[in-house]
Amino acid sequence: MLICIVADAGYDISDIKAVGIGCPGTIDNVKGVVVYSNNIKMDHVPLVDEFRKYIDIPINLENDANAAAYGEYIANGNGVNSYIFMTLGTGVGSGIIIKGKIYRGFNCAGAEIGHSSIVMDGKTCTCGKRGCLECYASVTALIEQTEKKMKECPDSLMNEWASTHGKVSGRTAFECARAGDKAAREVKAQYIRLYWHTCHLKY
């Protein structure tokens, strides 16, 4: 497959010097192992060894948010010493750059801000803990909040929007709020309020 992708781009496999893999979860960058991923279920998966069965060039495995943080640091860091980057999607990811290098911590999970518990006895997270930031500030959380409001307000424009687009997404409440839907505005306000408070807690 890689050879086909490279050929379609107008290159030869010999032009590729290395392959980088960004994967969610706790990543052992040295061993090339996905130690644990809660949103894409993996437990001690030797991902680099699997890829080496098909690719005979250097492979580097990195946490996806770490990789995104490093890319943003190189492109937009403007020469700063340290850099913190957050991603919002299925979960809440983060990457920390200190003195130009990715910070991984002693356990390869040094930047997992999304799994910081910010609500005592809060919602159960996919990681098994309760009250994680991810439970309140991720796009998954936004979709849950949207679906709950849609059930409470069957006349909301959000129901029509979801039917037209085939699913509820992170855009549903925001698009319908822009169109003036009251229930959607409530979801939007709640999400922003939750996100703002959880991201500005002082420890």
N, C-alpha and C. Protein backbone atom coordinates (compact mmCIF):
# COMPACT_ATOMS: atom_id res chain seq x y z
N MET A 1 0.82 -1.21 0.00
CA MET A 1 0.00 0.00 0.00
C MET A 1 0.86 1.26 0.00
N LEU A 2 1.93 1.24 0.82
CA LEU A 2 2.80 2.42 0.89
C LEU A 2 3.41 2.73 -0.47
N ILE A 3 3.84 1.66 -1.18
CA ILE A 3 4.44 1.85 -2.50
C ILE A 3 3.44 2.51 -3.45
N CYS A 4 2.17 2.09 -3.37
CA CYS A 4 1.13 2.68 -4.23
C CYS A 4 0.90 4.15 -3.89
N ILE A 5 0.86 4.46 -2.60
CA ILE A 5 0.66 5.85 -2.17
C ILE A 5 1.82 6.72 -2.64
N VAL A 6 3.04 6.22 -2.47
CA VAL A 6 4.22 6.96 -2.89
C VAL A 6 4.22 7.16 -4.41
N ALA A 7 3.87 6.10 -5.14
CA ALA A 7 3.84 6.19 -6.61
C ALA A 7 2.78 7.18 -7.08
N ASP A 8 1.62 7.17 -6.44
CA ASP A 8 0.55 8.10 -6.81
C ASP A 8 0.97 9.55 -6.58
N ALA A 9 1.88 9.76 -5.64
CA ALA A 9 2.37 11.12 -5.35
C ALA A 9 3.51 11.52 -6.28
N GLY A 10 3.91 10.60 -7.14
CA GLY A 10 4.96 10.91 -8.10
C GLY A 10 6.37 10.64 -7.61
N TYR A 11 6.49 9.80 -6.57
CA TYR A 11 7.81 9.48 -6.02
C TYR A 11 8.06 7.98 -6.09
N ASP A 12 9.32 7.62 -5.79
CA ASP A 12 9.70 6.21 -5.68
C ASP A 12 9.93 5.90 -4.21
N ILE A 13 9.76 4.65 -3.81
CA ILE A 13 9.93 4.27 -2.42
C ILE A 13 11.33 4.62 -1.93
N SER A 14 12.32 4.64 -2.82
CA SER A 14 13.69 4.98 -2.43
C SER A 14 13.82 6.44 -2.04
N ASP A 15 12.83 7.27 -2.41
CA ASP A 15 12.85 8.68 -2.03
C ASP A 15 12.45 8.89 -0.57
N ILE A 16 11.82 7.89 0.04
CA ILE A 16 11.33 8.01 1.41
C ILE A 16 12.44 7.58 2.37
N LYS A 17 12.87 8.51 3.21
CA LYS A 17 13.97 8.24 4.13
C LYS A 17 13.52 7.69 5.48
N ALA A 18 12.29 7.99 5.87
CA ALA A 18 11.78 7.51 7.15
C ALA A 18 10.27 7.64 7.17
N VAL A 19 9.64 6.93 8.10
CA VAL A 19 8.19 6.98 8.27
C VAL A 19 7.89 7.39 9.71
N GLY A 20 7.00 8.35 9.88
CA GLY A 20 6.55 8.74 11.20
C GLY A 20 5.11 8.31 11.42
N ILE A 21 4.83 7.76 12.59
CA ILE A 21 3.47 7.32 12.93
C ILE A 21 3.01 8.08 14.16
N GLY A 22 1.88 8.77 14.03
CA GLY A 22 1.27 9.43 15.17
C GLY A 22 0.09 8.60 15.65
N CYS A 23 0.09 8.23 16.92
CA CYS A 23 -0.95 7.36 17.45
C CYS A 23 -1.40 7.87 18.82
N PRO A 24 -2.72 7.88 19.08
CA PRO A 24 -3.18 8.29 20.41
C PRO A 24 -2.80 7.27 21.47
N GLY A 25 -2.63 7.75 22.68
CA GLY A 25 -2.34 6.85 23.79
C GLY A 25 -0.96 7.05 24.37
N THR A 26 -0.62 6.18 25.32
CA THR A 26 0.70 6.19 25.93
C THR A 26 1.65 5.44 25.02
N ILE A 27 2.67 6.14 24.54
CA ILE A 27 3.56 5.58 23.52
C ILE A 27 4.97 5.45 24.07
N ASP A 28 5.55 4.25 23.97
CA ASP A 28 6.96 4.06 24.27
C ASP A 28 7.72 4.33 22.98
N ASN A 29 8.26 5.53 22.88
CA ASN A 29 8.92 5.97 21.66
C ASN A 29 10.19 5.18 21.37
N VAL A 30 10.86 4.70 22.42
CA VAL A 30 12.11 3.97 22.26
C VAL A 30 11.86 2.56 21.72
N LYS A 31 10.89 1.87 22.30
CA LYS A 31 10.59 0.49 21.90
C LYS A 31 9.62 0.41 20.73
N GLY A 32 8.98 1.53 20.40
CA GLY A 32 8.02 1.52 19.30
C GLY A 32 6.74 0.78 19.65
N VAL A 33 6.29 0.93 20.91
CA VAL A 33 5.14 0.19 21.40
C VAL A 33 4.04 1.14 21.87
N VAL A 34 2.79 0.81 21.50
CA VAL A 34 1.64 1.50 22.07
C VAL A 34 1.36 0.82 23.41
N VAL A 35 1.77 1.48 24.49
CA VAL A 35 1.62 0.89 25.82
C VAL A 35 0.15 0.74 26.17
N TYR A 36 -0.60 1.82 25.92
CA TYR A 36 -2.04 1.76 26.20
C TYR A 36 -2.75 2.89 25.47
N SER A 37 -3.84 2.56 24.82
CA SER A 37 -4.69 3.56 24.18
C SER A 37 -6.14 3.25 24.53
N ASN A 38 -6.80 4.20 25.16
CA ASN A 38 -8.16 3.94 25.64
C ASN A 38 -9.24 4.23 24.59
N ASN A 39 -8.98 5.16 23.68
CA ASN A 39 -10.00 5.48 22.67
C ASN A 39 -9.90 4.58 21.44
N ILE A 40 -8.70 4.17 21.10
CA ILE A 40 -8.50 3.12 20.10
C ILE A 40 -7.88 1.96 20.88
N LYS A 41 -8.67 0.97 21.20
CA LYS A 41 -8.28 -0.04 22.17
C LYS A 41 -7.00 -0.79 21.77
N MET A 42 -5.91 -0.44 22.45
CA MET A 42 -4.63 -1.13 22.24
C MET A 42 -3.92 -1.23 23.58
N ASP A 43 -3.29 -2.36 23.81
CA ASP A 43 -2.58 -2.61 25.06
C ASP A 43 -1.28 -3.33 24.74
N HIS A 44 -0.16 -2.61 24.90
CA HIS A 44 1.17 -3.14 24.61
C HIS A 44 1.25 -3.73 23.19
N VAL A 45 0.90 -2.92 22.23
CA VAL A 45 0.95 -3.33 20.82
C VAL A 45 2.28 -2.89 20.21
N PRO A 46 3.11 -3.84 19.71
CA PRO A 46 4.40 -3.49 19.10
C PRO A 46 4.20 -2.96 17.67
N LEU A 47 3.68 -1.76 17.58
CA LEU A 47 3.25 -1.23 16.28
C LEU A 47 4.40 -1.07 15.29
N VAL A 48 5.56 -0.62 15.76
CA VAL A 48 6.69 -0.44 14.85
C VAL A 48 7.15 -1.78 14.29
N ASP A 49 7.21 -2.81 15.12
CA ASP A 49 7.60 -4.15 14.63
C ASP A 49 6.62 -4.65 13.58
N GLU A 50 5.34 -4.35 13.75
CA GLU A 50 4.34 -4.76 12.75
C GLU A 50 4.60 -4.06 11.43
N PHE A 51 4.89 -2.76 11.48
CA PHE A 51 5.15 -2.00 10.25
C PHE A 51 6.45 -2.45 9.58
N ARG A 52 7.41 -2.89 10.38
CA ARG A 52 8.70 -3.31 9.81
C ARG A 52 8.56 -4.58 8.96
N LYS A 53 7.45 -5.29 9.12
CA LYS A 53 7.20 -6.45 8.27
C LYS A 53 6.97 -6.04 6.83
N TYR A 54 6.59 -4.77 6.65
CA TYR A 54 6.23 -4.29 5.31
C TYR A 54 7.11 -3.14 4.82
N ILE A 55 7.81 -2.48 5.75
CA ILE A 55 8.59 -1.29 5.39
C ILE A 55 10.01 -1.46 5.90
N ASP A 56 10.99 -1.39 5.00
CA ASP A 56 12.37 -1.57 5.39
C ASP A 56 13.11 -0.23 5.43
N ILE A 57 12.51 0.74 6.14
CA ILE A 57 13.14 2.04 6.34
C ILE A 57 12.88 2.46 7.79
N PRO A 58 13.64 3.41 8.33
CA PRO A 58 13.45 3.82 9.73
C PRO A 58 12.01 4.27 10.01
N ILE A 59 11.49 3.84 11.16
CA ILE A 59 10.11 4.16 11.57
C ILE A 59 10.15 4.77 12.96
N ASN A 60 9.46 5.85 13.14
CA ASN A 60 9.37 6.49 14.45
C ASN A 60 7.91 6.58 14.88
N LEU A 61 7.61 6.03 16.05
CA LEU A 61 6.26 6.07 16.61
C LEU A 61 6.19 7.13 17.69
N GLU A 62 5.16 7.97 17.62
CA GLU A 62 5.02 9.06 18.59
C GLU A 62 3.55 9.26 18.93
N ASN A 63 3.28 9.71 20.14
CA ASN A 63 1.93 10.11 20.50
C ASN A 63 1.46 11.17 19.52
N ASP A 64 0.21 11.06 19.05
CA ASP A 64 -0.25 11.97 17.99
C ASP A 64 -0.24 13.43 18.42
N ALA A 65 -0.60 13.71 19.67
CA ALA A 65 -0.60 15.09 20.14
C ALA A 65 0.83 15.63 20.29
N ASN A 66 1.75 14.75 20.71
CA ASN A 66 3.16 15.14 20.78
C ASN A 66 3.67 15.51 19.39
N ALA A 67 3.32 14.68 18.41
CA ALA A 67 3.75 14.93 17.03
C ALA A 67 3.16 16.24 16.52
N ALA A 68 1.88 16.47 16.81
CA ALA A 68 1.23 17.72 16.38
C ALA A 68 1.87 18.91 17.07
N ALA A 69 2.17 18.77 18.36
CA ALA A 69 2.80 19.86 19.11
C ALA A 69 4.17 20.20 18.54
N TYR A 70 4.93 19.18 18.21
CA TYR A 70 6.27 19.42 17.67
C TYR A 70 6.19 20.09 16.30
N GLY A 71 5.24 19.63 15.49
CA GLY A 71 5.05 20.25 14.18
C GLY A 71 4.67 21.71 14.29
N GLU A 72 3.75 22.02 15.20
CA GLU A 72 3.34 23.40 15.40
C GLU A 72 4.48 24.24 15.97
N TYR A 73 5.26 23.62 16.85
CA TYR A 73 6.41 24.31 17.44
C TYR A 73 7.42 24.70 16.36
N ILE A 74 7.70 23.76 15.47
CA ILE A 74 8.66 24.04 14.39
C ILE A 74 8.11 25.10 13.44
N ALA A 75 6.81 24.99 13.12
CA ALA A 75 6.22 25.90 12.14
C ALA A 75 5.88 27.27 12.72
N ASN A 76 5.41 27.29 13.97
CA ASN A 76 4.89 28.55 14.53
C ASN A 76 5.47 28.91 15.89
N GLY A 77 6.50 28.21 16.33
CA GLY A 77 7.06 28.47 17.65
C GLY A 77 7.82 29.78 17.77
N ASN A 78 8.24 30.31 16.64
CA ASN A 78 8.95 31.60 16.61
C ASN A 78 10.14 31.64 17.56
N GLY A 79 10.81 30.50 17.68
CA GLY A 79 12.04 30.47 18.45
C GLY A 79 11.88 30.44 19.96
N VAL A 80 10.66 30.20 20.47
CA VAL A 80 10.46 30.19 21.92
C VAL A 80 11.15 28.97 22.53
N ASN A 81 11.40 29.03 23.83
CA ASN A 81 12.10 27.95 24.52
C ASN A 81 11.17 26.76 24.79
N SER A 82 9.93 27.06 25.18
CA SER A 82 8.98 26.01 25.53
C SER A 82 7.63 26.28 24.86
N TYR A 83 6.85 25.23 24.71
CA TYR A 83 5.62 25.33 23.91
C TYR A 83 4.64 24.27 24.40
N ILE A 84 3.38 24.64 24.58
CA ILE A 84 2.34 23.68 24.95
C ILE A 84 1.23 23.74 23.90
N PHE A 85 0.79 22.58 23.48
CA PHE A 85 -0.21 22.48 22.40
C PHE A 85 -1.31 21.53 22.85
N MET A 86 -2.57 21.90 22.60
CA MET A 86 -3.70 21.03 22.96
C MET A 86 -4.51 20.69 21.72
N THR A 87 -5.01 19.47 21.67
CA THR A 87 -5.87 19.04 20.57
C THR A 87 -7.24 18.67 21.12
N LEU A 88 -8.27 18.99 20.35
CA LEU A 88 -9.63 18.63 20.70
C LEU A 88 -10.20 17.73 19.61
N GLY A 89 -10.66 16.58 20.00
CA GLY A 89 -11.25 15.64 19.05
C GLY A 89 -12.01 14.59 19.83
N THR A 90 -11.78 13.32 19.49
CA THR A 90 -12.39 12.24 20.26
C THR A 90 -12.09 12.42 21.74
N GLY A 91 -10.87 12.83 22.03
CA GLY A 91 -10.46 13.12 23.40
C GLY A 91 -9.84 14.51 23.47
N VAL A 92 -9.10 14.75 24.53
CA VAL A 92 -8.32 15.98 24.68
C VAL A 92 -6.86 15.57 24.76
N GLY A 93 -6.10 15.95 23.76
CA GLY A 93 -4.69 15.61 23.73
C GLY A 93 -3.84 16.82 24.00
N SER A 94 -2.58 16.59 24.30
CA SER A 94 -1.67 17.71 24.54
C SER A 94 -0.24 17.27 24.30
N GLY A 95 0.57 18.23 23.93
CA GLY A 95 1.99 17.99 23.76
C GLY A 95 2.76 19.12 24.40
N ILE A 96 3.88 18.79 25.02
CA ILE A 96 4.71 19.79 25.69
C ILE A 96 6.11 19.75 25.11
N ILE A 97 6.60 20.90 24.70
CA ILE A 97 7.95 21.04 24.18
C ILE A 97 8.76 21.85 25.19
N ILE A 98 9.87 21.30 25.64
CA ILE A 98 10.74 22.01 26.57
C ILE A 98 12.14 22.04 25.99
N LYS A 99 12.67 23.25 25.83
CA LYS A 99 14.00 23.45 25.24
C LYS A 99 14.12 22.74 23.89
N GLY A 100 13.04 22.83 23.11
CA GLY A 100 13.06 22.29 21.76
C GLY A 100 12.86 20.80 21.64
N LYS A 101 12.60 20.11 22.77
CA LYS A 101 12.42 18.66 22.72
C LYS A 101 11.07 18.27 23.30
N ILE A 102 10.51 17.18 22.77
CA ILE A 102 9.23 16.67 23.28
C ILE A 102 9.42 16.17 24.71
N TYR A 103 8.53 16.61 25.59
CA TYR A 103 8.55 16.12 26.97
C TYR A 103 7.61 14.92 27.08
N ARG A 104 8.14 13.77 27.47
CA ARG A 104 7.34 12.54 27.56
C ARG A 104 7.13 12.08 29.00
N GLY A 105 7.90 12.60 29.93
CA GLY A 105 7.77 12.16 31.31
C GLY A 105 8.43 10.82 31.54
N PHE A 106 8.48 10.38 32.78
CA PHE A 106 9.16 9.12 33.11
C PHE A 106 8.38 7.90 32.62
N ASN A 107 7.06 8.08 32.37
CA ASN A 107 6.22 6.93 32.01
C ASN A 107 5.61 7.06 30.62
N CYS A 108 6.19 7.91 29.79
CA CYS A 108 5.74 8.12 28.40
C CYS A 108 4.38 8.79 28.33
N ALA A 109 3.87 9.32 29.45
CA ALA A 109 2.54 9.95 29.46
C ALA A 109 2.61 11.31 30.15
N GLY A 110 3.74 11.98 29.99
CA GLY A 110 3.95 13.23 30.71
C GLY A 110 3.02 14.36 30.31
N ALA A 111 2.46 14.29 29.10
CA ALA A 111 1.65 15.41 28.62
C ALA A 111 0.16 15.08 28.51
N GLU A 112 -0.29 14.04 29.19
CA GLU A 112 -1.70 13.64 29.07
C GLU A 112 -2.61 14.54 29.91
N ILE A 113 -2.68 15.80 29.53
CA ILE A 113 -3.50 16.77 30.26
C ILE A 113 -4.97 16.37 30.24
N GLY A 114 -5.40 15.77 29.16
CA GLY A 114 -6.80 15.37 29.03
C GLY A 114 -7.25 14.38 30.08
N HIS A 115 -6.29 13.68 30.69
CA HIS A 115 -6.64 12.71 31.71
C HIS A 115 -6.27 13.20 33.11
N SER A 116 -6.23 14.52 33.26
CA SER A 116 -6.15 15.11 34.58
C SER A 116 -7.56 15.15 35.16
N SER A 117 -7.73 14.65 36.36
CA SER A 117 -9.05 14.66 37.00
C SER A 117 -9.34 16.07 37.52
N ILE A 118 -10.39 16.69 36.99
CA ILE A 118 -10.70 18.06 37.38
C ILE A 118 -12.06 18.17 38.07
N VAL A 119 -12.82 17.06 38.12
CA VAL A 119 -14.09 17.04 38.82
C VAL A 119 -14.12 15.82 39.75
N MET A 120 -14.13 16.06 41.06
CA MET A 120 -14.15 14.94 42.00
C MET A 120 -15.42 14.12 41.82
N ASP A 121 -15.25 12.80 41.69
CA ASP A 121 -16.37 11.88 41.49
C ASP A 121 -17.19 12.26 40.25
N GLY A 122 -16.52 12.78 39.25
CA GLY A 122 -17.19 13.21 38.02
C GLY A 122 -17.49 12.05 37.08
N LYS A 123 -17.71 12.37 35.82
CA LYS A 123 -18.06 11.36 34.82
C LYS A 123 -16.93 10.34 34.67
N THR A 124 -17.31 9.11 34.35
CA THR A 124 -16.32 8.07 34.13
C THR A 124 -15.70 8.23 32.75
N CYS A 125 -14.40 8.29 32.71
CA CYS A 125 -13.67 8.46 31.45
C CYS A 125 -13.37 7.09 30.84
N THR A 126 -13.06 7.09 29.54
CA THR A 126 -12.70 5.82 28.88
C THR A 126 -11.40 5.25 29.42
N CYS A 127 -10.62 6.07 30.12
CA CYS A 127 -9.37 5.58 30.70
C CYS A 127 -9.61 4.85 32.01
N GLY A 128 -10.84 4.95 32.54
CA GLY A 128 -11.18 4.27 33.79
C GLY A 128 -11.24 5.20 34.99
N LYS A 129 -10.66 6.38 34.87
CA LYS A 129 -10.71 7.34 35.96
C LYS A 129 -12.02 8.14 35.89
N ARG A 130 -12.25 8.97 36.89
CA ARG A 130 -13.46 9.79 36.93
C ARG A 130 -13.09 11.28 36.89
N GLY A 131 -13.94 12.03 36.20
CA GLY A 131 -13.78 13.47 36.21
C GLY A 131 -12.65 14.02 35.36
N CYS A 132 -12.18 13.27 34.36
CA CYS A 132 -11.09 13.76 33.51
C CYS A 132 -11.54 14.96 32.66
N LEU A 133 -10.61 15.83 32.38
CA LEU A 133 -10.87 16.97 31.50
C LEU A 133 -11.52 16.52 30.20
N GLU A 134 -11.08 15.39 29.67
CA GLU A 134 -11.59 14.85 28.41
C GLU A 134 -13.10 14.61 28.45
N CYS A 135 -13.63 14.30 29.63
CA CYS A 135 -15.06 14.03 29.77
C CYS A 135 -15.91 15.27 29.56
N TYR A 136 -15.31 16.43 29.64
CA TYR A 136 -16.06 17.68 29.59
C TYR A 136 -15.67 18.58 28.42
N ALA A 137 -14.43 18.48 27.95
CA ALA A 137 -13.96 19.44 26.96
C ALA A 137 -13.69 18.85 25.58
N SER A 138 -13.86 17.53 25.41
CA SER A 138 -13.61 16.91 24.11
C SER A 138 -14.80 17.11 23.17
N VAL A 139 -14.58 16.85 21.90
CA VAL A 139 -15.67 16.89 20.94
C VAL A 139 -16.68 15.78 21.24
N THR A 140 -16.19 14.65 21.75
CA THR A 140 -17.08 13.56 22.16
C THR A 140 -18.05 14.06 23.23
N ALA A 141 -17.53 14.83 24.19
CA ALA A 141 -18.38 15.38 25.25
C ALA A 141 -19.38 16.37 24.67
N LEU A 142 -18.94 17.18 23.72
CA LEU A 142 -19.84 18.15 23.07
C LEU A 142 -20.98 17.42 22.36
N ILE A 143 -20.66 16.33 21.67
CA ILE A 143 -21.69 15.57 20.97
C ILE A 143 -22.69 14.98 21.97
N GLU A 144 -22.20 14.47 23.09
CA GLU A 144 -23.09 13.93 24.13
C GLU A 144 -24.03 15.01 24.66
N GLN A 145 -23.48 16.20 24.89
CA GLN A 145 -24.28 17.31 25.38
C GLN A 145 -25.33 17.72 24.35
N THR A 146 -24.93 17.69 23.08
CA THR A 146 -25.85 18.04 21.99
C THR A 146 -26.99 17.04 21.89
N GLU A 147 -26.64 15.76 21.91
CA GLU A 147 -27.67 14.71 21.79
C GLU A 147 -28.65 14.76 22.96
N LYS A 148 -28.16 15.04 24.14
CA LYS A 148 -29.04 15.14 25.31
C LYS A 148 -30.04 16.27 25.13
N LYS A 149 -29.57 17.42 24.65
CA LYS A 149 -30.45 18.57 24.45
C LYS A 149 -31.43 18.31 23.31
N MET A 150 -31.01 17.61 22.28
CA MET A 150 -31.90 17.28 21.18
C MET A 150 -33.09 16.43 21.65
N LYS A 151 -32.82 15.49 22.56
CA LYS A 151 -33.91 14.67 23.10
C LYS A 151 -34.86 15.51 23.95
N GLU A 152 -34.29 16.47 24.69
CA GLU A 152 -35.11 17.34 25.53
C GLU A 152 -35.92 18.33 24.70
N CYS A 153 -35.40 18.66 23.52
CA CYS A 153 -36.04 19.69 22.67
C CYS A 153 -36.23 19.14 21.25
N PRO A 154 -37.24 18.29 21.04
CA PRO A 154 -37.43 17.67 19.73
C PRO A 154 -37.72 18.66 18.61
N ASP A 155 -38.15 19.88 18.95
CA ASP A 155 -38.41 20.89 17.92
C ASP A 155 -37.17 21.72 17.59
N SER A 156 -36.08 21.41 18.23
CA SER A 156 -34.85 22.16 17.98
C SER A 156 -34.36 21.96 16.56
N LEU A 157 -33.79 22.99 15.99
CA LEU A 157 -33.21 22.92 14.66
C LEU A 157 -32.11 21.87 14.59
N MET A 158 -31.52 21.54 15.73
CA MET A 158 -30.43 20.56 15.74
C MET A 158 -30.88 19.20 15.24
N ASN A 159 -32.14 18.84 15.52
CA ASN A 159 -32.67 17.55 15.05
C ASN A 159 -32.76 17.53 13.53
N GLU A 160 -33.21 18.61 12.95
CA GLU A 160 -33.29 18.70 11.49
C GLU A 160 -31.89 18.70 10.87
N TRP A 161 -30.98 19.44 11.50
CA TRP A 161 -29.60 19.53 11.00
C TRP A 161 -28.95 18.15 11.00
N ALA A 162 -29.12 17.41 12.10
CA ALA A 162 -28.52 16.08 12.20
C ALA A 162 -29.11 15.13 11.18
N SER A 163 -30.41 15.25 10.94
CA SER A 163 -31.07 14.40 9.95
C SER A 163 -30.56 14.70 8.55
N THR A 164 -30.38 15.98 8.24
CA THR A 164 -29.89 16.39 6.92
C THR A 164 -28.45 15.93 6.69
N HIS A 165 -27.62 16.03 7.74
CA HIS A 165 -26.20 15.70 7.61
C HIS A 165 -25.88 14.25 7.97
N GLY A 166 -26.89 13.50 8.41
CA GLY A 166 -26.70 12.08 8.66
C GLY A 166 -26.17 11.72 10.04
N LYS A 167 -25.77 12.71 10.83
CA LYS A 167 -25.26 12.41 12.17
C LYS A 167 -25.13 13.70 12.97
N VAL A 168 -24.96 13.52 14.27
CA VAL A 168 -24.64 14.64 15.15
C VAL A 168 -23.13 14.77 15.21
N SER A 169 -22.63 15.97 15.08
CA SER A 169 -21.19 16.20 15.13
C SER A 169 -20.87 17.37 16.03
N GLY A 170 -19.60 17.70 16.12
CA GLY A 170 -19.20 18.85 16.90
C GLY A 170 -19.69 20.16 16.32
N ARG A 171 -20.11 20.14 15.07
CA ARG A 171 -20.61 21.35 14.41
C ARG A 171 -22.08 21.60 14.67
N THR A 172 -22.82 20.56 15.03
CA THR A 172 -24.28 20.65 15.10
C THR A 172 -24.77 21.83 15.92
N ALA A 173 -24.38 21.87 17.19
CA ALA A 173 -24.86 22.93 18.08
C ALA A 173 -24.38 24.31 17.62
N PHE A 174 -23.14 24.39 17.17
CA PHE A 174 -22.57 25.68 16.79
C PHE A 174 -23.22 26.23 15.53
N GLU A 175 -23.47 25.35 14.55
CA GLU A 175 -24.12 25.79 13.31
C GLU A 175 -25.56 26.24 13.59
N CYS A 176 -26.27 25.48 14.42
CA CYS A 176 -27.67 25.81 14.72
C CYS A 176 -27.77 27.02 15.63
N ALA A 177 -26.79 27.19 16.50
CA ALA A 177 -26.76 28.40 17.34
C ALA A 177 -26.57 29.63 16.46
N ARG A 178 -25.74 29.50 15.44
CA ARG A 178 -25.51 30.61 14.51
C ARG A 178 -26.80 30.95 13.76
N ALA A 179 -27.63 29.92 13.56
CA ALA A 179 -28.90 30.13 12.87
C ALA A 179 -30.00 30.64 13.80
N GLY A 180 -29.67 30.78 15.09
CA GLY A 180 -30.62 31.36 16.04
C GLY A 180 -31.38 30.38 16.91
N ASP A 181 -31.04 29.09 16.84
CA ASP A 181 -31.77 28.09 17.62
C ASP A 181 -31.44 28.24 19.12
N LYS A 182 -32.47 28.38 19.93
CA LYS A 182 -32.29 28.63 21.37
C LYS A 182 -31.62 27.45 22.07
N ALA A 183 -32.09 26.23 21.80
CA ALA A 183 -31.52 25.05 22.45
C ALA A 183 -30.05 24.89 22.07
N ALA A 184 -29.73 25.15 20.82
CA ALA A 184 -28.34 25.04 20.37
C ALA A 184 -27.46 26.08 21.05
N ARG A 185 -28.01 27.27 21.24
CA ARG A 185 -27.25 28.30 21.95
C ARG A 185 -26.96 27.89 23.38
N GLU A 186 -27.89 27.18 23.99
CA GLU A 186 -27.70 26.71 25.37
C GLU A 186 -26.58 25.67 25.42
N VAL A 187 -26.56 24.76 24.44
CA VAL A 187 -25.50 23.75 24.37
C VAL A 187 -24.15 24.43 24.16
N LYS A 188 -24.12 25.36 23.24
CA LYS A 188 -22.88 26.08 22.94
C LYS A 188 -22.36 26.81 24.18
N ALA A 189 -23.25 27.50 24.87
CA ALA A 189 -22.86 28.27 26.06
C ALA A 189 -22.37 27.33 27.17
N GLN A 190 -23.07 26.20 27.34
CA GLN A 190 -22.67 25.24 28.36
C GLN A 190 -21.30 24.66 28.07
N TYR A 191 -21.07 24.28 26.81
CA TYR A 191 -19.79 23.68 26.43
C TYR A 191 -18.64 24.66 26.63
N ILE A 192 -18.84 25.88 26.17
CA ILE A 192 -17.79 26.89 26.31
C ILE A 192 -17.52 27.17 27.78
N ARG A 193 -18.60 27.22 28.57
CA ARG A 193 -18.43 27.48 30.01
C ARG A 193 -17.67 26.34 30.67
N LEU A 194 -18.05 25.08 30.37
CA LEU A 194 -17.35 23.93 30.93
C LEU A 194 -15.89 23.92 30.50
N TYR A 195 -15.67 24.15 29.21
CA TYR A 195 -14.31 24.13 28.68
C TYR A 195 -13.46 25.22 29.32
N TRP A 196 -14.05 26.41 29.43
CA TRP A 196 -13.31 27.54 30.00
C TRP A 196 -12.94 27.27 31.45
N HIS A 197 -13.90 26.81 32.23
CA HIS A 197 -13.64 26.59 33.65
C HIS A 197 -12.64 25.46 33.86
N THR A 198 -12.79 24.37 33.12
CA THR A 198 -11.90 23.24 33.33
C THR A 198 -10.48 23.55 32.88
N CYS A 199 -10.34 24.38 31.85
CA CYS A 199 -9.01 24.71 31.35
C CYS A 199 -8.34 25.83 32.15
N HIS A 200 -9.09 26.44 33.07
CA HIS A 200 -8.51 27.54 33.84
C HIS A 200 -8.55 27.26 35.34
N LEU A 201 -8.68 25.98 35.70
CA LEU A 201 -8.63 25.63 37.11
C LEU A 201 -7.22 25.88 37.66
N LYS A 202 -7.16 26.38 38.85
CA LYS A 202 -5.87 26.63 39.49
C LYS A 202 -5.63 25.55 40.54
N TYR A 203 -4.51 24.87 40.45
CA TYR A 203 -4.20 23.79 41.37
C TYR A 203 -3.45 24.34 42.58
